[in-house]
PDB file of N, CA and C in Angstrom:
ATOM      1  N   MET A   1      -4.935  -2.693 -65.271  1.00  0.00           N
ATOM      2  CA  MET A   1      -4.926  -1.105 -64.785  1.00  0.00           C
ATOM      3  C   MET A   1      -6.158  -0.188 -65.605  1.00  0.00           C
ATOM      4  N   TYR A   2      -6.481   1.025 -64.947  1.00  0.00           N
ATOM      5  CA  TYR A   2      -7.501   1.288 -65.644  1.00  0.00           C
ATOM      6  C   TYR A   2      -6.554   3.250 -66.328  1.00  0.00           C
ATOM      7  N   GLN A   3      -6.477   3.413 -67.266  1.00  0.00           N
ATOM      8  CA  GLN A   3      -5.913   4.043 -67.824  1.00  0.00           C
ATOM      9  C   GLN A   3      -6.496   5.559 -67.692  1.00  0.00           C
ATOM     10  N   PRO A   4      -7.187   6.729 -67.153  1.00  0.00           N
ATOM     11  CA  PRO A   4      -8.203   7.757 -67.521  1.00  0.00           C
ATOM     12  C   PRO A   4      -7.761   8.210 -68.692  1.00  0.00           C
ATOM     13  N   LEU A   5      -7.162   8.636 -70.058  1.00  0.00           N
ATOM     14  CA  LEU A   5      -7.018   9.030 -70.924  1.00  0.00           C
ATOM     15  C   LEU A   5      -7.869  10.398 -71.349  1.00  0.00           C
ATOM     16  N   ALA A   6      -9.540  10.432 -70.823  1.00  0.00           N
ATOM     17  CA  ALA A   6     -10.311  11.425 -71.583  1.00  0.00           C
ATOM     18  C   ALA A   6      -9.200  13.030 -69.926  1.00  0.00           C
ATOM     19  N   TYR A   7      -9.557  12.370 -69.173  1.00  0.00           N
ATOM     20  CA  TYR A   7      -9.159  13.188 -67.894  1.00  0.00           C
ATOM     21  C   TYR A   7      -7.517  13.803 -68.304  1.00  0.00           C
ATOM     22  N   LYS A   8      -6.674  12.775 -69.029  1.00  0.00           N
ATOM     23  CA  LYS A   8      -5.151  13.434 -69.149  1.00  0.00           C
ATOM     24  C   LYS A   8      -4.868  14.550 -69.976  1.00  0.00           C
ATOM     25  N   VAL A   9      -6.416  13.995 -71.153  1.00  0.00           N
ATOM     26  CA  VAL A   9      -6.457  15.540 -72.279  1.00  0.00           C
ATOM     27  C   VAL A   9      -6.699  16.224 -71.387  1.00  0.00           C
ATOM     28  N   MET A  10      -7.979  16.345 -70.293  1.00  0.00           N
ATOM     29  CA  MET A  10      -8.436  17.740 -70.228  1.00  0.00           C
ATOM     30  C   MET A  10      -7.577  18.272 -69.198  1.00  0.00           C
ATOM     31  N   GLU A  11      -6.328  17.743 -68.656  1.00  0.00           N
ATOM     32  CA  GLU A  11      -5.220  18.224 -67.826  1.00  0.00           C
ATOM     33  C   GLU A  11      -4.575  18.957 -68.653  1.00  0.00           C
ATOM     34  N   LYS A  12      -4.176  18.413 -69.431  1.00  0.00           N
ATOM     35  CA  LYS A  12      -3.432  19.551 -71.051  1.00  0.00           C
ATOM     36  C   LYS A  12      -4.121  20.763 -70.999  1.00  0.00           C
ATOM     37  N   PHE A  13      -5.239  20.165 -71.871  1.00  0.00           N
ATOM     38  CA  PHE A  13      -6.319  21.450 -71.852  1.00  0.00           C
ATOM     39  C   PHE A  13      -6.668  22.770 -71.311  1.00  0.00           C
ATOM     40  N   LEU A  14      -6.428  22.244 -70.070  1.00  0.00           N
ATOM     41  CA  LEU A  14      -6.313  23.073 -68.353  1.00  0.00           C
ATOM     42  C   LEU A  14      -5.094  23.876 -68.246  1.00  0.00           C
ATOM     43  N   LYS A  15      -3.831  23.230 -68.226  1.00  0.00           N
ATOM     44  CA  LYS A  15      -2.581  23.310 -67.799  1.00  0.00           C
ATOM     45  C   LYS A  15      -2.149  24.606 -69.844  1.00  0.00           C
ATOM     46  N   VAL A  16      -2.993  24.468 -70.075  1.00  0.00           N
ATOM     47  CA  VAL A  16      -2.810  25.908 -71.073  1.00  0.00           C
ATOM     48  C   VAL A  16      -3.519  27.401 -71.402  1.00  0.00           C
ATOM     49  N   GLY A  17      -4.631  26.764 -69.961  1.00  0.00           N
ATOM     50  CA  GLY A  17      -4.943  28.189 -70.217  1.00  0.00           C
ATOM     51  C   GLY A  17      -7.049  27.881 -70.409  1.00  0.00           C
ATOM     52  N   PHE A  18      -6.591  26.722 -71.249  1.00  0.00           N
ATOM     53  CA  PHE A  18      -8.664  26.870 -70.954  1.00  0.00           C
ATOM     54  C   PHE A  18      -9.121  26.444 -69.849  1.00  0.00           C
ATOM     55  N   LYS A  19     -10.408  27.303 -69.968  1.00  0.00           N
ATOM     56  CA  LYS A  19     -11.464  26.520 -68.619  1.00  0.00           C
ATOM     57  C   LYS A  19     -12.212  25.303 -68.387  1.00  0.00           C
ATOM     58  N   LEU A  20     -12.753  24.727 -67.822  1.00  0.00           N
ATOM     59  CA  LEU A  20     -13.481  23.167 -68.117  1.00  0.00           C
ATOM     60  C   LEU A  20     -14.900  24.427 -67.688  1.00  0.00           C
ATOM     61  N   LYS A  21     -15.725  24.491 -69.229  1.00  0.00           N
ATOM     62  CA  LYS A  21     -17.077  24.379 -68.996  1.00  0.00           C
ATOM     63  C   LYS A  21     -18.314  23.262 -68.362  1.00  0.00           C
ATOM     64  N   GLU A  22     -17.863  22.438 -68.928  1.00  0.00           N
ATOM     65  CA  GLU A  22     -18.821  21.517 -68.778  1.00  0.00           C
ATOM     66  C   GLU A  22     -18.155  19.755 -69.025  1.00  0.00           C
ATOM     67  N   ASP A  23     -18.645  18.994 -68.000  1.00  0.00           N
ATOM     68  CA  ASP A  23     -18.684  17.580 -68.622  1.00  0.00           C
ATOM     69  C   ASP A  23     -19.262  16.754 -69.064  1.00  0.00           C
ATOM     70  N   ILE A  24     -19.896  16.462 -70.500  1.00  0.00           N
ATOM     71  CA  ILE A  24     -20.741  15.557 -70.561  1.00  0.00           C
ATOM     72  C   ILE A  24     -20.532  14.731 -70.874  1.00  0.00           C
ATOM     73  N   ILE A  25     -21.029  13.908 -70.089  1.00  0.00           N
ATOM     74  CA  ILE A  25     -20.834  11.864 -70.142  1.00  0.00           C
ATOM     75  C   ILE A  25     -21.540  11.208 -70.684  1.00  0.00           C
ATOM     76  N   LYS A  26     -21.403  10.633 -72.272  1.00  0.00           N
ATOM     77  CA  LYS A  26     -22.470   9.788 -73.039  1.00  0.00           C
ATOM     78  C   LYS A  26     -21.869   8.348 -72.978  1.00  0.00           C
ATOM     79  N   LYS A  27     -23.011   7.871 -72.444  1.00  0.00           N
ATOM     80  CA  LYS A  27     -23.525   6.445 -72.627  1.00  0.00           C
ATOM     81  C   LYS A  27     -23.496   5.780 -73.676  1.00  0.00           C
ATOM     82  N   GLN A  28     -22.172   5.120 -73.946  1.00  0.00           N
ATOM     83  CA  GLN A  28     -22.838   4.145 -75.108  1.00  0.00           C
ATOM     84  C   GLN A  28     -23.500   2.952 -75.235  1.00  0.00           C
ATOM     85  N   PHE A  29     -24.395   3.297 -76.392  1.00  0.00           N
ATOM     86  CA  PHE A  29     -25.573   2.602 -76.936  1.00  0.00           C
ATOM     87  C   PHE A  29     -25.469   1.497 -77.532  1.00  0.00           C
ATOM     88  N   ASN A  30     -25.748   0.123 -77.950  1.00  0.00           N
ATOM     89  CA  ASN A  30     -25.482  -0.963 -78.561  1.00  0.00           C
ATOM     90  C   ASN A  30     -23.943  -1.138 -78.507  1.00  0.00           C
ATOM     91  N   CYS A  31     -23.913  -1.634 -77.044  1.00  0.00           N
ATOM     92  CA  CYS A  31     -22.314  -2.126 -76.403  1.00  0.00           C
ATOM     93  C   CYS A  31     -23.038  -3.209 -75.789  1.00  0.00           C
ATOM     94  N   THR A  32     -22.998  -4.492 -76.084  1.00  0.00           N
ATOM     95  CA  THR A  32     -23.151  -5.303 -75.422  1.00  0.00           C
ATOM     96  C   THR A  32     -22.605  -5.881 -74.973  1.00  0.00           C
ATOM     97  N   ALA A  33     -22.603  -6.342 -73.493  1.00  0.00           N
ATOM     98  CA  ALA A  33     -21.186  -7.116 -73.239  1.00  0.00           C
ATOM     99  C   ALA A  33     -21.871  -8.760 -73.388  1.00  0.00           C
ATOM    100  N   THR A  34     -21.600  -9.244 -74.495  1.00  0.00           N
ATOM    101  CA  THR A  34     -21.807 -10.588 -74.753  1.00  0.00           C
ATOM    102  C   THR A  34     -20.778 -11.548 -74.594  1.00  0.00           C
ATOM    103  N   GLY A  35     -20.969 -12.998 -74.446  1.00  0.00           N
ATOM    104  CA  GLY A  35     -20.276 -13.874 -73.946  1.00  0.00           C
ATOM    105  C   GLY A  35     -18.751 -13.927 -74.863  1.00  0.00           C
ATOM    106  N   PHE A  36     -18.734 -13.410 -75.977  1.00  0.00           N
ATOM    107  CA  PHE A  36     -17.656 -13.610 -76.559  1.00  0.00           C
ATOM    108  C   PHE A  36     -16.688 -12.117 -76.440  1.00  0.00           C
ATOM    109  N   TRP A  37     -17.530 -11.175 -75.744  1.00  0.00           N
ATOM    110  CA  TRP A  37     -16.121  -9.994 -75.312  1.00  0.00           C
ATOM    111  C   TRP A  37     -15.964 -10.047 -73.854  1.00  0.00           C
ATOM    112  N   VAL A  38     -16.645 -10.434 -73.307  1.00  0.00           N
ATOM    113  CA  VAL A  38     -16.987 -10.836 -71.735  1.00  0.00           C
ATOM    114  C   VAL A  38     -15.634 -11.680 -71.727  1.00  0.00           C
ATOM    115  N   LYS A  39     -15.291 -12.958 -72.233  1.00  0.00           N
ATOM    116  CA  LYS A  39     -14.537 -13.916 -72.585  1.00  0.00           C
ATOM    117  C   LYS A  39     -13.295 -13.397 -72.639  1.00  0.00           C
ATOM    118  N   LYS A  40     -13.246 -12.608 -73.828  1.00  0.00           N
ATOM    119  CA  LYS A  40     -11.917 -11.488 -74.732  1.00  0.00           C
ATOM    120  C   LYS A  40     -12.008 -10.721 -73.601  1.00  0.00           C
ATOM    121  N   SER A  41     -12.271  -9.825 -72.882  1.00  0.00           N
ATOM    122  CA  SER A  41     -11.272  -9.116 -71.876  1.00  0.00           C
ATOM    123  C   SER A  41     -10.811  -9.529 -70.369  1.00  0.00           C
ATOM    124  N   LYS A  42     -11.158 -10.993 -70.454  1.00  0.00           N
ATOM    125  CA  LYS A  42     -11.334 -11.593 -69.331  1.00  0.00           C
ATOM    126  C   LYS A  42      -9.470 -11.902 -69.940  1.00  0.00           C
ATOM    127  N   ASP A  43      -9.318 -12.601 -70.714  1.00  0.00           N
ATOM    128  CA  ASP A  43      -8.902 -14.112 -71.629  1.00  0.00           C
ATOM    129  C   ASP A  43      -7.540 -12.612 -71.543  1.00  0.00           C
ATOM    130  N   LEU A  44      -7.813 -11.200 -72.174  1.00  0.00           N
ATOM    131  CA  LEU A  44      -6.809 -10.224 -72.355  1.00  0.00           C
ATOM    132  C   LEU A  44      -6.364  -9.670 -71.604  1.00  0.00           C
ATOM    133  N   ASN A  45      -6.969  -9.533 -69.901  1.00  0.00           N
ATOM    134  CA  ASN A  45      -6.754  -8.222 -69.271  1.00  0.00           C
ATOM    135  C   ASN A  45      -7.013  -7.027 -69.641  1.00  0.00           C
ATOM    136  N   PHE A  46      -8.467  -6.712 -70.721  1.00  0.00           N
ATOM    137  CA  PHE A  46      -9.044  -5.223 -71.018  1.00  0.00           C
ATOM    138  C   PHE A  46     -10.447  -5.185 -69.794  1.00  0.00           C
ATOM    139  N   LEU A  47     -10.965  -4.130 -69.972  1.00  0.00           N
ATOM    140  CA  LEU A  47     -11.918  -3.238 -69.058  1.00  0.00           C
ATOM    141  C   LEU A  47     -12.803  -3.075 -70.707  1.00  0.00           C
ATOM    142  N   LEU A  48     -14.209  -3.304 -69.948  1.00  0.00           N
ATOM    143  CA  LEU A  48     -15.285  -3.194 -71.264  1.00  0.00           C
ATOM    144  C   LEU A  48     -16.020  -1.555 -70.915  1.00  0.00           C
ATOM    145  N   ILE A  49     -15.522  -0.457 -71.167  1.00  0.00           N
ATOM    146  CA  ILE A  49     -16.011   0.706 -70.784  1.00  0.00           C
ATOM    147  C   ILE A  49     -16.670   1.395 -71.722  1.00  0.00           C
ATOM    148  N   MET A  50     -17.974   1.870 -71.184  1.00  0.00           N
ATOM    149  CA  MET A  50     -19.505   1.915 -71.997  1.00  0.00           C
ATOM    150  C   MET A  50     -20.021   3.490 -72.142  1.00  0.00           C
ATOM    151  N   HIS A  51     -18.714   3.932 -71.821  1.00  0.00           N
ATOM    152  CA  HIS A  51     -19.308   6.090 -71.997  1.00  0.00           C
ATOM    153  C   HIS A  51     -17.983   6.635 -72.571  1.00  0.00           C
ATOM    154  N   GLU A  52     -18.148   7.821 -72.433  1.00  0.00           N
ATOM    155  CA  GLU A  52     -17.250   8.583 -72.620  1.00  0.00           C
ATOM    156  C   GLU A  52     -17.336   9.575 -72.815  1.00  0.00           C
ATOM    157  N   HIS A  53     -16.589  10.941 -72.780  1.00  0.00           N
ATOM    158  CA  HIS A  53     -16.771  11.858 -72.697  1.00  0.00           C
ATOM    159  C   HIS A  53     -16.235  13.823 -73.300  1.00  0.00           C
ATOM    160  N   LEU A  54     -16.883  14.168 -73.293  1.00  0.00           N
ATOM    161  CA  LEU A  54     -17.157  15.164 -74.339  1.00  0.00           C
ATOM    162  C   LEU A  54     -16.949  16.110 -73.183  1.00  0.00           C
ATOM    163  N   PHE A  55     -15.274  17.398 -73.506  1.00  0.00           N
ATOM    164  CA  PHE A  55     -15.246  18.362 -72.258  1.00  0.00           C
ATOM    165  C   PHE A  55     -15.581  19.622 -73.387  1.00  0.00           C
ATOM    166  N   VAL A  56     -16.661  20.576 -72.672  1.00  0.00           N
ATOM    167  CA  VAL A  56     -16.624  21.566 -72.874  1.00  0.00           C
ATOM    168  C   VAL A  56     -15.955  22.652 -72.506  1.00  0.00           C
ATOM    169  N   PHE A  57     -14.725  23.624 -73.423  1.00  0.00           N
ATOM    170  CA  PHE A  57     -14.065  24.465 -72.642  1.00  0.00           C
ATOM    171  C   PHE A  57     -14.047  25.759 -73.145  1.00  0.00           C
ATOM    172  N   GLN A  58     -13.980  26.575 -72.558  1.00  0.00           N
ATOM    173  CA  GLN A  58     -13.452  27.941 -72.857  1.00  0.00           C
ATOM    174  C   GLN A  58     -12.624  28.422 -72.787  1.00  0.00           C
ATOM    175  N   LYS A  59     -11.725  29.872 -74.183  1.00  0.00           N
ATOM    176  CA  LYS A  59     -10.299  29.620 -74.122  1.00  0.00           C
ATOM    177  C   LYS A  59     -10.226  31.590 -73.390  1.00  0.00           C
TER     178      LYS A  59
END
């Protein structure tokens, strides 16, 4: 199961009055899915996520 923590954080900011101006999605470089990590992700049941969000808010 994937928990979108970035969007949960964004929701908290919106609830207290901030306005979302932009959602910048940054691709993670140097995140290679080597055989080691592919095996670990399957064994431990987690996803290899290769991006992150930068939210720009205005109060």
